[in-house]
C-alpha cells in the first residue's frame, strides 16, 4: 500500500511512536470513536495508526510517542499493549495504516469486504 507525499511511513511510526495499544474495531463503532478521538487530543498519538487481525477479529492500533499517554489511553479504554517489533512478525495481516478519521466510518465487516487482508 502506497502512502501520500509527506505522510509518515510505517517504519517511522513504529520508531517514533513505539508505545502501541490495540483495540477491537467493534469497540470503535458509532459515536464511541469520536469520544476516543477527543480523548486523544493533546496526547502524543500518531497522526495515523494501523489495523491488524488478531484472533480472527480486526483491531486498530493506536500509536503513542510517550509511554504515559499510552498508559492513560489503556486505562480509559482498555485494549492491550502491542509490540511494534515482535507483533508484526507473528501477524502477517499488519499491512494497512489508516488515517485516524477513516476508521470511524468502517467496521470489521466493511474492512473485510473491501479486501483488507494480508
PDB file of N, CA and C in Angstrom:
ATOM      1  N   UNK A   1       0.853  -1.177   0.000  1.00  0.00           N
ATOM      2  CA  UNK A   1       0.000   0.000   0.000  1.00  0.00           C
ATOM      3  C   UNK A   1       0.893   1.231   0.000  1.00  0.00           C
ATOM      4  N   UNK A   2       0.668   2.139  -0.925  1.00  0.00           N
ATOM      5  CA  UNK A   2       1.458   3.353  -1.020  1.00  0.00           C
ATOM      6  C   UNK A   2       1.049   4.375   0.013  1.00  0.00           C
ATOM      7  N   UNK A   3       1.822   5.407   0.089  1.00  0.00           N
ATOM      8  CA  UNK A   3       1.466   6.485   1.011  1.00  0.00           C
ATOM      9  C   UNK A   3       1.595   7.806   0.282  1.00  0.00           C
ATOM     10  N   UNK A   4       0.926   8.805   0.797  1.00  0.00           N
ATOM     11  CA  UNK A   4       0.965  10.115   0.176  1.00  0.00           C
ATOM     12  C   UNK A   4       2.255  10.836   0.544  1.00  0.00           C
ATOM     13  N   UNK A   5       2.643  11.752  -0.312  1.00  0.00           N
ATOM     14  CA  UNK A   5       3.844  12.543  -0.072  1.00  0.00           C
ATOM     15  C   UNK A   5       3.738  13.248   1.287  1.00  0.00           C
ATOM     16  N   UNK A   6       4.772  13.153   2.071  1.00  0.00           N
ATOM     17  CA  UNK A   6       4.812  13.788   3.380  1.00  0.00           C
ATOM     18  C   UNK A   6       4.204  12.958   4.500  1.00  0.00           C
ATOM     19  N   UNK A   7       3.547  11.869   4.158  1.00  0.00           N
ATOM     20  CA  UNK A   7       2.924  11.014   5.168  1.00  0.00           C
ATOM     21  C   UNK A   7       3.997  10.135   5.813  1.00  0.00           C
ATOM     22  N   UNK A   8       3.891   9.915   7.103  1.00  0.00           N
ATOM     23  CA  UNK A   8       4.857   9.088   7.809  1.00  0.00           C
ATOM     24  C   UNK A   8       4.796   7.654   7.328  1.00  0.00           C
ATOM     25  N   UNK A   9       5.939   7.034   7.158  1.00  0.00           N
ATOM     26  CA  UNK A   9       5.978   5.625   6.764  1.00  0.00           C
ATOM     27  C   UNK A   9       5.651   4.746   7.971  1.00  0.00           C
ATOM     28  N   UNK A  10       5.338   3.504   7.695  1.00  0.00           N
ATOM     29  CA  UNK A  10       5.041   2.551   8.768  1.00  0.00           C
ATOM     30  C   UNK A  10       6.216   2.421   9.722  1.00  0.00           C
ATOM     31  N   UNK A  11       7.425   2.319   9.169  1.00  0.00           N
ATOM     32  CA  UNK A  11       8.619   2.194  10.000  1.00  0.00           C
ATOM     33  C   UNK A  11       8.853   3.416  10.863  1.00  0.00           C
ATOM     34  N   UNK A  12       8.607   4.595  10.309  1.00  0.00           N
ATOM     35  CA  UNK A  12       8.781   5.831  11.076  1.00  0.00           C
ATOM     36  C   UNK A  12       7.791   5.891  12.228  1.00  0.00           C
ATOM     37  N   UNK A  13       6.556   5.503  11.967  1.00  0.00           N
ATOM     38  CA  UNK A  13       5.563   5.497  13.050  1.00  0.00           C
ATOM     39  C   UNK A  13       5.998   4.539  14.148  1.00  0.00           C
ATOM     40  N   UNK A  14       6.449   3.347  13.763  1.00  0.00           N
ATOM     41  CA  UNK A  14       6.872   2.370  14.775  1.00  0.00           C
ATOM     42  C   UNK A  14       8.074   2.863  15.575  1.00  0.00           C
ATOM     43  N   UNK A  15       8.989   3.599  14.948  1.00  0.00           N
ATOM     44  CA  UNK A  15      10.157   4.119  15.671  1.00  0.00           C
ATOM     45  C   UNK A  15       9.808   5.315  16.549  1.00  0.00           C
ATOM     46  N   UNK A  16       9.016   6.248  16.026  1.00  0.00           N
ATOM     47  CA  UNK A  16       8.724   7.473  16.768  1.00  0.00           C
ATOM     48  C   UNK A  16       7.563   7.327  17.749  1.00  0.00           C
ATOM     49  N   UNK A  17       6.716   6.333  17.526  1.00  0.00           N
ATOM     50  CA  UNK A  17       5.547   6.099  18.375  1.00  0.00           C
ATOM     51  C   UNK A  17       5.533   4.632  18.816  1.00  0.00           C
ATOM     52  N   UNK A  18       6.515   4.234  19.647  1.00  0.00           N
ATOM     53  CA  UNK A  18       6.688   2.812  19.969  1.00  0.00           C
ATOM     54  C   UNK A  18       5.694   2.251  20.977  1.00  0.00           C
ATOM     55  N   UNK A  19       4.960   3.099  21.661  1.00  0.00           N
ATOM     56  CA  UNK A  19       4.023   2.635  22.691  1.00  0.00           C
ATOM     57  C   UNK A  19       2.651   2.481  22.034  1.00  0.00           C
ATOM     58  N   UNK A  20       2.280   1.227  21.770  1.00  0.00           N
ATOM     59  CA  UNK A  20       1.103   0.959  20.956  1.00  0.00           C
ATOM     60  C   UNK A  20       0.089   0.105  21.704  1.00  0.00           C
ATOM     61  N   UNK A  21      -1.193   0.461  21.514  1.00  0.00           N
ATOM     62  CA  UNK A  21      -2.307  -0.222  22.165  1.00  0.00           C
ATOM     63  C   UNK A  21      -3.281  -0.677  21.080  1.00  0.00           C
ATOM     64  N   UNK A  22      -3.676  -1.960  21.127  1.00  0.00           N
ATOM     65  CA  UNK A  22      -4.661  -2.442  20.155  1.00  0.00           C
ATOM     66  C   UNK A  22      -6.034  -2.489  20.802  1.00  0.00           C
ATOM     67  N   UNK A  23      -7.029  -2.090  20.020  1.00  0.00           N
ATOM     68  CA  UNK A  23      -8.420  -2.057  20.456  1.00  0.00           C
ATOM     69  C   UNK A  23      -9.253  -2.732  19.363  1.00  0.00           C
ATOM     70  N   UNK A  24     -10.171  -3.637  19.724  1.00  0.00           N
ATOM     71  CA  UNK A  24     -11.018  -4.256  18.696  1.00  0.00           C
ATOM     72  C   UNK A  24     -11.835  -3.204  17.940  1.00  0.00           C
ATOM     73  N   UNK A  25     -11.960  -3.391  16.636  1.00  0.00           N
ATOM     74  CA  UNK A  25     -12.742  -2.443  15.836  1.00  0.00           C
ATOM     75  C   UNK A  25     -14.173  -2.365  16.325  1.00  0.00           C
ATOM     76  N   UNK A  26     -14.694  -3.445  16.848  1.00  0.00           N
ATOM     77  CA  UNK A  26     -16.076  -3.436  17.334  1.00  0.00           C
ATOM     78  C   UNK A  26     -16.258  -2.413  18.456  1.00  0.00           C
ATOM     79  N   UNK A  27     -15.192  -2.098  19.163  1.00  0.00           N
ATOM     80  CA  UNK A  27     -15.260  -1.105  20.239  1.00  0.00           C
ATOM     81  C   UNK A  27     -15.243   0.323  19.705  1.00  0.00           C
ATOM     82  N   UNK A  28     -14.977   0.483  18.411  1.00  0.00           N
ATOM     83  CA  UNK A  28     -14.856   1.817  17.825  1.00  0.00           C
ATOM     84  C   UNK A  28     -16.082   2.221  17.021  1.00  0.00           C
ATOM     85  N   UNK A  29     -17.127   1.440  17.076  1.00  0.00           N
ATOM     86  CA  UNK A  29     -18.292   1.707  16.243  1.00  0.00           C
ATOM     87  C   UNK A  29     -19.107   2.884  16.774  1.00  0.00           C
ATOM     88  N   UNK A  30     -19.889   3.450  15.882  1.00  0.00           N
ATOM     89  CA  UNK A  30     -20.789   4.539  16.252  1.00  0.00           C
ATOM     90  C   UNK A  30     -20.039   5.772  16.708  1.00  0.00           C
ATOM     91  N   UNK A  31     -20.630   6.483  17.616  1.00  0.00           N
ATOM     92  CA  UNK A  31     -20.043   7.716  18.117  1.00  0.00           C
ATOM     93  C   UNK A  31     -18.919   7.503  19.110  1.00  0.00           C
ATOM     94  N   UNK A  32     -18.680   6.250  19.510  1.00  0.00           N
ATOM     95  CA  UNK A  32     -17.645   5.994  20.511  1.00  0.00           C
ATOM     96  C   UNK A  32     -16.265   6.355  19.980  1.00  0.00           C
ATOM     97  N   UNK A  33     -16.053   6.160  18.670  1.00  0.00           N
ATOM     98  CA  UNK A  33     -14.757   6.531  18.101  1.00  0.00           C
ATOM     99  C   UNK A  33     -14.510   8.018  18.275  1.00  0.00           C
ATOM    100  N   UNK A  34     -15.534   8.844  18.066  1.00  0.00           N
ATOM    101  CA  UNK A  34     -15.363  10.288  18.239  1.00  0.00           C
ATOM    102  C   UNK A  34     -14.970  10.617  19.669  1.00  0.00           C
ATOM    103  N   UNK A  35     -15.547   9.902  20.629  1.00  0.00           N
ATOM    104  CA  UNK A  35     -15.193  10.096  22.031  1.00  0.00           C
ATOM    105  C   UNK A  35     -13.711   9.785  22.241  1.00  0.00           C
ATOM    106  N   UNK A  36     -13.251   8.678  21.661  1.00  0.00           N
ATOM    107  CA  UNK A  36     -11.832   8.313  21.765  1.00  0.00           C
ATOM    108  C   UNK A  36     -10.958   9.376  21.108  1.00  0.00           C
ATOM    109  N   UNK A  37     -11.365   9.840  19.938  1.00  0.00           N
ATOM    110  CA  UNK A  37     -10.591  10.853  19.219  1.00  0.00           C
ATOM    111  C   UNK A  37     -10.440  12.125  20.062  1.00  0.00           C
ATOM    112  N   UNK A  38     -11.530  12.573  20.687  1.00  0.00           N
ATOM    113  CA  UNK A  38     -11.455  13.766  21.532  1.00  0.00           C
ATOM    114  C   UNK A  38     -10.587  13.523  22.757  1.00  0.00           C
ATOM    115  N   UNK A  39     -10.655  12.330  23.309  1.00  0.00           N
ATOM    116  CA  UNK A  39      -9.811  11.994  24.447  1.00  0.00           C
ATOM    117  C   UNK A  39      -8.326  12.105  24.069  1.00  0.00           C
ATOM    118  N   UNK A  40      -7.993  11.714  22.846  1.00  0.00           N
ATOM    119  CA  UNK A  40      -6.597  11.690  22.397  1.00  0.00           C
ATOM    120  C   UNK A  40      -6.032  13.068  22.048  1.00  0.00           C
ATOM    121  N   UNK A  41      -6.893  14.076  21.931  1.00  0.00           N
ATOM    122  CA  UNK A  41      -6.382  15.415  21.645  1.00  0.00           C
ATOM    123  C   UNK A  41      -5.470  15.839  22.782  1.00  0.00           C
ATOM    124  N   UNK A  42      -4.293  16.301  22.427  1.00  0.00           N
ATOM    125  CA  UNK A  42      -3.316  16.711  23.430  1.00  0.00           C
ATOM    126  C   UNK A  42      -2.392  15.590  23.870  1.00  0.00           C
ATOM    127  N   UNK A  43      -2.707  14.349  23.486  1.00  0.00           N
ATOM    128  CA  UNK A  43      -1.813  13.232  23.790  1.00  0.00           C
ATOM    129  C   UNK A  43      -0.832  13.062  22.631  1.00  0.00           C
ATOM    130  N   UNK A  44       0.178  12.288  22.857  1.00  0.00           N
ATOM    131  CA  UNK A  44       1.233  12.103  21.847  1.00  0.00           C
ATOM    132  C   UNK A  44       0.881  10.994  20.848  1.00  0.00           C
ATOM    133  N   UNK A  45      -0.360  10.983  20.371  1.00  0.00           N
ATOM    134  CA  UNK A  45      -0.817   9.944  19.441  1.00  0.00           C
ATOM    135  C   UNK A  45      -0.318  10.258  18.024  1.00  0.00           C
ATOM    136  N   UNK A  46       0.021   9.202  17.291  1.00  0.00           N
ATOM    137  CA  UNK A  46       0.494   9.353  15.915  1.00  0.00           C
ATOM    138  C   UNK A  46      -0.638   9.886  15.038  1.00  0.00           C
ATOM    139  N   UNK A  47      -0.299  10.563  13.947  1.00  0.00           N
ATOM    140  CA  UNK A  47      -1.336  11.082  13.056  1.00  0.00           C
ATOM    141  C   UNK A  47      -2.152   9.983  12.383  1.00  0.00           C
ATOM    142  N   UNK A  48      -1.655   8.773  12.383  1.00  0.00           N
ATOM    143  CA  UNK A  48      -2.404   7.619  11.880  1.00  0.00           C
ATOM    144  C   UNK A  48      -1.895   6.384  12.594  1.00  0.00           C
ATOM    145  N   UNK A  49      -2.724   5.370  12.620  1.00  0.00           N
ATOM    146  CA  UNK A  49      -2.344   4.096  13.213  1.00  0.00           C
ATOM    147  C   UNK A  49      -2.401   3.036  12.143  1.00  0.00           C
ATOM    148  N   UNK A  50      -2.670   1.812  12.537  1.00  0.00           N
ATOM    149  CA  UNK A  50      -2.816   0.750  11.556  1.00  0.00           C
ATOM    150  C   UNK A  50      -3.764  -0.303  12.089  1.00  0.00           C
ATOM    151  N   UNK A  51      -4.108  -1.242  11.250  1.00  0.00           N
ATOM    152  CA  UNK A  51      -5.029  -2.291  11.661  1.00  0.00           C
ATOM    153  C   UNK A  51      -4.352  -3.642  11.553  1.00  0.00           C
ATOM    154  N   UNK A  52      -4.776  -4.558  12.404  1.00  0.00           N
ATOM    155  CA  UNK A  52      -4.263  -5.920  12.386  1.00  0.00           C
ATOM    156  C   UNK A  52      -5.426  -6.877  12.609  1.00  0.00           C
ATOM    157  N   UNK A  53      -5.209  -8.122  12.296  1.00  0.00           N
ATOM    158  CA  UNK A  53      -6.170  -9.172  12.623  1.00  0.00           C
ATOM    159  C   UNK A  53      -5.565 -10.005  13.736  1.00  0.00           C
ATOM    160  N   UNK A  54      -6.319 -10.152  14.816  1.00  0.00           N
ATOM    161  CA  UNK A  54      -5.888 -10.958  15.957  1.00  0.00           C
ATOM    162  C   UNK A  54      -7.080 -11.799  16.393  1.00  0.00           C
ATOM    163  N   UNK A  55      -6.873 -13.084  16.501  1.00  0.00           N
ATOM    164  CA  UNK A  55      -7.954 -13.994  16.889  1.00  0.00           C
ATOM    165  C   UNK A  55      -9.173 -13.834  15.977  1.00  0.00           C
ATOM    166  N   UNK A  56      -8.921 -13.748  14.686  1.00  0.00           N
ATOM    167  CA  UNK A  56      -9.976 -13.629  13.662  1.00  0.00           C
ATOM    168  C   UNK A  56     -10.834 -12.381  13.814  1.00  0.00           C
ATOM    169  N   UNK A  57     -10.318 -11.354  14.455  1.00  0.00           N
ATOM    170  CA  UNK A  57     -11.049 -10.099  14.615  1.00  0.00           C
ATOM    171  C   UNK A  57     -10.122  -8.937  14.274  1.00  0.00           C
ATOM    172  N   UNK A  58     -10.644  -7.950  13.550  1.00  0.00           N
ATOM    173  CA  UNK A  58      -9.864  -6.765  13.226  1.00  0.00           C
ATOM    174  C   UNK A  58      -9.691  -5.905  14.466  1.00  0.00           C
ATOM    175  N   UNK A  59      -8.498  -5.349  14.609  1.00  0.00           N
ATOM    176  CA  UNK A  59      -8.167  -4.433  15.698  1.00  0.00           C
ATOM    177  C   UNK A  59      -7.511  -3.194  15.100  1.00  0.00           C
ATOM    178  N   UNK A  60      -7.671  -2.079  15.777  1.00  0.00           N
ATOM    179  CA  UNK A  60      -6.993  -0.839  15.388  1.00  0.00           C
ATOM    180  C   UNK A  60      -5.874  -0.599  16.387  1.00  0.00           C
ATOM    181  N   UNK A  61      -4.725  -0.195  15.895  1.00  0.00           N
ATOM    182  CA  UNK A  61      -3.568   0.045  16.749  1.00  0.00           C
ATOM    183  C   UNK A  61      -3.372   1.556  16.895  1.00  0.00           C
ATOM    184  N   UNK A  62      -3.514   2.046  18.113  1.00  0.00           N
ATOM    185  CA  UNK A  62      -3.241   3.443  18.429  1.00  0.00           C
ATOM    186  C   UNK A  62      -1.779   3.526  18.856  1.00  0.00           C
ATOM    187  N   UNK A  63      -1.026   4.430  18.263  1.00  0.00           N
ATOM    188  CA  UNK A  63       0.419   4.540  18.491  1.00  0.00           C
ATOM    189  C   UNK A  63       0.729   5.842  19.227  1.00  0.00           C
ATOM    190  N   UNK A  64       1.496   5.745  20.294  1.00  0.00           N
ATOM    191  CA  UNK A  64       1.824   6.904  21.128  1.00  0.00           C
ATOM    192  C   UNK A  64       3.329   7.075  21.238  1.00  0.00           C
ATOM    193  N   UNK A  65       3.757   8.325  21.286  1.00  0.00           N
ATOM    194  CA  UNK A  65       5.176   8.638  21.471  1.00  0.00           C
ATOM    195  C   UNK A  65       5.576   8.429  22.936  1.00  0.00           C
ATOM    196  N   UNK A  66       4.710   8.861  23.846  1.00  0.00           N
ATOM    197  CA  UNK A  66       5.024   8.796  25.274  1.00  0.00           C
ATOM    198  C   UNK A  66       4.310   7.619  25.940  1.00  0.00           C
ATOM    199  N   UNK A  67       5.055   6.896  26.736  1.00  0.00           N
ATOM    200  CA  UNK A  67       4.509   5.743  27.439  1.00  0.00           C
ATOM    201  C   UNK A  67       3.367   6.141  28.368  1.00  0.00           C
ATOM    202  N   UNK A  68       3.507   7.286  29.027  1.00  0.00           N
ATOM    203  CA  UNK A  68       2.465   7.743  29.956  1.00  0.00           C
ATOM    204  C   UNK A  68       1.142   7.970  29.228  1.00  0.00           C
ATOM    205  N   UNK A  69       1.188   8.491  28.014  1.00  0.00           N
ATOM    206  CA  UNK A  69      -0.032   8.705  27.236  1.00  0.00           C
ATOM    207  C   UNK A  69      -0.670   7.377  26.838  1.00  0.00           C
ATOM    208  N   UNK A  70       0.154   6.413  26.458  1.00  0.00           N
ATOM    209  CA  UNK A  70      -0.361   5.085  26.104  1.00  0.00           C
ATOM    210  C   UNK A  70      -1.029   4.446  27.320  1.00  0.00           C
ATOM    211  N   UNK A  71      -0.419   4.588  28.480  1.00  0.00           N
ATOM    212  CA  UNK A  71      -0.987   4.024  29.703  1.00  0.00           C
ATOM    213  C   UNK A  71      -2.306   4.721  30.061  1.00  0.00           C
ATOM    214  N   UNK A  72      -2.361   6.043  29.879  1.00  0.00           N
ATOM    215  CA  UNK A  72      -3.582   6.796  30.148  1.00  0.00           C
ATOM    216  C   UNK A  72      -4.705   6.316  29.224  1.00  0.00           C
ATOM    217  N   UNK A  73      -4.378   6.121  27.948  1.00  0.00           N
ATOM    218  CA  UNK A  73      -5.350   5.626  26.976  1.00  0.00           C
ATOM    219  C   UNK A  73      -5.827   4.227  27.354  1.00  0.00           C
ATOM    220  N   UNK A  74      -4.891   3.354  27.687  1.00  0.00           N
ATOM    221  CA  UNK A  74      -5.241   1.972  28.024  1.00  0.00           C
ATOM    222  C   UNK A  74      -6.086   1.904  29.291  1.00  0.00           C
ATOM    223  N   UNK A  75      -5.788   2.726  30.262  1.00  0.00           N
ATOM    224  CA  UNK A  75      -6.569   2.762  31.496  1.00  0.00           C
ATOM    225  C   UNK A  75      -8.007   3.172  31.198  1.00  0.00           C
ATOM    226  N   UNK A  76      -8.191   4.118  30.298  1.00  0.00           N
ATOM    227  CA  UNK A  76      -9.528   4.628  29.985  1.00  0.00           C
ATOM    228  C   UNK A  76     -10.326   3.697  29.064  1.00  0.00           C
ATOM    229  N   UNK A  77      -9.656   3.122  28.038  1.00  0.00           N
ATOM    230  CA  UNK A  77     -10.384   2.382  27.009  1.00  0.00           C
ATOM    231  C   UNK A  77     -10.069   0.886  26.951  1.00  0.00           C
ATOM    232  N   UNK A  78      -9.160   0.431  27.774  1.00  0.00           N
ATOM    233  CA  UNK A  78      -8.802  -0.980  27.735  1.00  0.00           C
ATOM    234  C   UNK A  78      -7.873  -1.261  26.566  1.00  0.00           C
ATOM    235  N   UNK A  79      -8.027  -2.413  25.979  1.00  0.00           N
ATOM    236  CA  UNK A  79      -7.112  -2.802  24.913  1.00  0.00           C
ATOM    237  C   UNK A  79      -5.895  -3.471  25.515  1.00  0.00           C
ATOM    238  N   UNK A  80      -4.970  -3.809  24.663  1.00  0.00           N
ATOM    239  CA  UNK A  80      -3.742  -4.436  25.146  1.00  0.00           C
ATOM    240  C   UNK A  80      -2.541  -3.840  24.441  1.00  0.00           C
ATOM    241  N   UNK A  81      -1.413  -3.953  25.115  1.00  0.00           N
ATOM    242  CA  UNK A  81      -0.169  -3.443  24.524  1.00  0.00           C
ATOM    243  C   UNK A  81       0.188  -4.247  23.288  1.00  0.00           C
ATOM    244  N   UNK A  82       0.797  -3.557  22.353  1.00  0.00           N
ATOM    245  CA  UNK A  82       1.217  -4.181  21.098  1.00  0.00           C
ATOM    246  C   UNK A  82       2.662  -3.800  20.863  1.00  0.00           C
ATOM    247  N   UNK A  83       3.527  -4.781  20.731  1.00  0.00           N
ATOM    248  CA  UNK A  83       4.944  -4.541  20.476  1.00  0.00           C
ATOM    249  C   UNK A  83       5.130  -4.364  18.968  1.00  0.00           C
ATOM    250  N   UNK A  84       5.536  -3.175  18.511  1.00  0.00           N
ATOM    251  CA  UNK A  84       5.655  -2.940  17.072  1.00  0.00           C
ATOM    252  C   UNK A  84       6.735  -3.779  16.397  1.00  0.00           C
ATOM    253  N   UNK A  85       7.657  -4.330  17.155  1.00  0.00           N
ATOM    254  CA  UNK A  85       8.697  -5.168  16.556  1.00  0.00           C
ATOM    255  C   UNK A  85       8.251  -6.624  16.550  1.00  0.00           C
ATOM    256  N   UNK A  86       7.954  -7.159  17.700  1.00  0.00           N
ATOM    257  CA  UNK A  86       7.566  -8.571  17.801  1.00  0.00           C
ATOM    258  C   UNK A  86       6.185  -8.832  17.224  1.00  0.00           C
ATOM    259  N   UNK A  87       5.260  -7.918  17.393  1.00  0.00           N
ATOM    260  CA  UNK A  87       3.890  -8.120  16.955  1.00  0.00           C
ATOM    261  C   UNK A  87       3.752  -8.302  15.463  1.00  0.00           C
ATOM    262  N   UNK A  88       4.550  -7.590  14.679  1.00  0.00           N
ATOM    263  CA  UNK A  88       4.423  -7.672  13.230  1.00  0.00           C
ATOM    264  C   UNK A  88       4.939  -9.002  12.702  1.00  0.00           C
ATOM    265  N   UNK A  89       5.868  -9.606  13.409  1.00  0.00           N
ATOM    266  CA  UNK A  89       6.393 -10.891  12.949  1.00  0.00           C
ATOM    267  C   UNK A  89       5.338 -11.984  13.020  1.00  0.00           C
ATOM    268  N   UNK A  90       4.545 -11.999  14.104  1.00  0.00           N
ATOM    269  CA  UNK A  90       3.563 -13.057  14.231  1.00  0.00           C
ATOM    270  C   UNK A  90       2.269 -12.720  13.499  1.00  0.00           C
ATOM    271  N   UNK A  91       2.114 -11.489  13.065  1.00  0.00           N
ATOM    272  CA  UNK A  91       0.863 -11.097  12.431  1.00  0.00           C
ATOM    273  C   UNK A  91       1.095 -10.618  11.002  1.00  0.00           C
ATOM    274  N   UNK A  92       0.921 -11.502  10.023  1.00  0.00           N
ATOM    275  CA  UNK A  92       1.153 -11.108   8.642  1.00  0.00           C
ATOM    276  C   UNK A  92       0.113 -10.142   8.109  1.00  0.00           C
ATOM    277  N   UNK A  93      -0.967  -9.896   8.846  1.00  0.00           N
ATOM    278  CA  UNK A  93      -2.026  -9.008   8.361  1.00  0.00           C
ATOM    279  C   UNK A  93      -1.750  -7.555   8.679  1.00  0.00           C
ATOM    280  N   UNK A  94      -0.659  -7.243   9.276  1.00  0.00           N
ATOM    281  CA  UNK A  94      -0.329  -5.865   9.630  1.00  0.00           C
ATOM    282  C   UNK A  94       0.175  -5.162   8.381  1.00  0.00           C
ATOM    283  N   UNK A  95      -0.762  -4.709   7.585  1.00  0.00           N
ATOM    284  CA  UNK A  95      -0.377  -4.078   6.334  1.00  0.00           C
ATOM    285  C   UNK A  95      -1.056  -2.748   6.096  1.00  0.00           C
ATOM    286  N   UNK A  96      -2.106  -2.451   6.797  1.00  0.00           N
ATOM    287  CA  UNK A  96      -2.894  -1.281   6.446  1.00  0.00           C
ATOM    288  C   UNK A  96      -2.798  -0.187   7.489  1.00  0.00           C
ATOM    289  N   UNK A  97      -2.012   0.831   7.191  1.00  0.00           N
ATOM    290  CA  UNK A  97      -2.001   2.023   8.023  1.00  0.00           C
ATOM    291  C   UNK A  97      -3.163   2.881   7.574  1.00  0.00           C
ATOM    292  N   UNK A  98      -3.900   3.393   8.509  1.00  0.00           N
ATOM    293  CA  UNK A  98      -5.096   4.153   8.198  1.00  0.00           C
ATOM    294  C   UNK A  98      -5.019   5.536   8.818  1.00  0.00           C
ATOM    295  N   UNK A  99      -5.663   6.476   8.184  1.00  0.00           N
ATOM    296  CA  UNK A  99      -5.813   7.785   8.810  1.00  0.00           C
ATOM    297  C   UNK A  99      -6.753   7.640   9.984  1.00  0.00           C
ATOM    298  N   UNK A 100      -6.511   8.388  11.024  1.00  0.00           N
ATOM    299  CA  UNK A 100      -7.311   8.250  12.233  1.00  0.00           C
ATOM    300  C   UNK A 100      -8.795   8.422  11.952  1.00  0.00           C
ATOM    301  N   UNK A 101      -9.176   9.355  11.103  1.00  0.00           N
ATOM    302  CA  UNK A 101     -10.587   9.618  10.897  1.00  0.00           C
ATOM    303  C   UNK A 101     -11.253   8.593   9.998  1.00  0.00           C
ATOM    304  N   UNK A 102     -10.491   7.879   9.200  1.00  0.00           N
ATOM    305  CA  UNK A 102     -11.114   6.952   8.266  1.00  0.00           C
ATOM    306  C   UNK A 102     -11.752   5.767   8.968  1.00  0.00           C
ATOM    307  N   UNK A 103     -11.284   5.428  10.140  1.00  0.00           N
ATOM    308  CA  UNK A 103     -11.806   4.252  10.822  1.00  0.00           C
ATOM    309  C   UNK A 103     -13.210   4.469  11.369  1.00  0.00           C
ATOM    310  N   UNK A 104     -13.609   5.707  11.611  1.00  0.00           N
ATOM    311  CA  UNK A 104     -14.921   5.933  12.216  1.00  0.00           C
ATOM    312  C   UNK A 104     -16.051   5.536  11.278  1.00  0.00           C
ATOM    313  N   UNK A 105     -15.799   5.428   9.989  1.00  0.00           N
ATOM    314  CA  UNK A 105     -16.841   5.043   9.047  1.00  0.00           C
ATOM    315  C   UNK A 105     -16.713   3.609   8.581  1.00  0.00           C
ATOM    316  N   UNK A 106     -15.807   2.847   9.148  1.00  0.00           N
ATOM    317  CA  UNK A 106     -15.592   1.470   8.711  1.00  0.00           C
ATOM    318  C   UNK A 106     -15.612   0.548   9.920  1.00  0.00           C
ATOM    319  N   UNK A 107     -16.240  -0.571   9.763  1.00  0.00           N
ATOM    320  CA  UNK A 107     -16.241  -1.595  10.796  1.00  0.00           C
ATOM    321  C   UNK A 107     -15.474  -2.792  10.284  1.00  0.00           C
ATOM    322  N   UNK A 108     -15.366  -3.809  11.090  1.00  0.00           N
ATOM    323  CA  UNK A 108     -14.632  -5.004  10.691  1.00  0.00           C
ATOM    324  C   UNK A 108     -15.237  -5.635   9.440  1.00  0.00           C
ATOM    325  N   UNK A 109     -16.568  -5.639   9.340  1.00  0.00           N
ATOM    326  CA  UNK A 109     -17.216  -6.261   8.178  1.00  0.00           C
ATOM    327  C   UNK A 109     -16.902  -5.493   6.902  1.00  0.00           C
ATOM    328  N   UNK A 110     -16.959  -4.146   6.965  1.00  0.00           N
ATOM    329  CA  UNK A 110     -16.683  -3.388   5.750  1.00  0.00           C
ATOM    330  C   UNK A 110     -15.211  -3.485   5.376  1.00  0.00           C
ATOM    331  N   UNK A 111     -14.335  -3.623   6.361  1.00  0.00           N
ATOM    332  CA  UNK A 111     -12.916  -3.784   6.063  1.00  0.00           C
ATOM    333  C   UNK A 111     -12.672  -5.099   5.355  1.00  0.00           C
ATOM    334  N   UNK A 112     -13.310  -6.148   5.839  1.00  0.00           N
ATOM    335  CA  UNK A 112     -13.138  -7.450   5.201  1.00  0.00           C
ATOM    336  C   UNK A 112     -13.729  -7.447   3.787  1.00  0.00           C
ATOM    337  N   UNK A 113     -14.884  -6.800   3.624  1.00  0.00           N
ATOM    338  CA  UNK A 113     -15.498  -6.770   2.293  1.00  0.00           C
ATOM    339  C   UNK A 113     -14.700  -5.909   1.328  1.00  0.00           C
ATOM    340  N   UNK A 114     -13.911  -4.976   1.857  1.00  0.00           N
ATOM    341  CA  UNK A 114     -13.066  -4.151   0.993  1.00  0.00           C
ATOM    342  C   UNK A 114     -11.806  -4.887   0.581  1.00  0.00           C
ATOM    343  N   UNK A 115     -11.610  -6.092   1.113  1.00  0.00           N
ATOM    344  CA  UNK A 115     -10.467  -6.894   0.729  1.00  0.00           C
ATOM    345  C   UNK A 115      -9.209  -6.596   1.517  1.00  0.00           C
ATOM    346  N   UNK A 116      -9.355  -6.026   2.697  1.00  0.00           N
ATOM    347  CA  UNK A 116      -8.182  -5.712   3.505  1.00  0.00           C
ATOM    348  C   UNK A 116      -7.715  -6.962   4.204  1.00  0.00           C
ATOM    349  N   UNK A 117      -6.806  -7.651   3.614  1.00  0.00           N
ATOM    350  CA  UNK A 117      -6.219  -8.819   4.247  1.00  0.00           C
ATOM    351  C   UNK A 117      -4.790  -8.929   3.765  1.00  0.00           C
ATOM    352  N   UNK A 118      -4.055  -9.833   4.381  1.00  0.00           N
ATOM    353  CA  UNK A 118      -2.648  -9.964   4.030  1.00  0.00           C
ATOM    354  C   UNK A 118      -2.501 -10.656   2.697  1.00  0.00           C
TER     355      UNK A 118
END
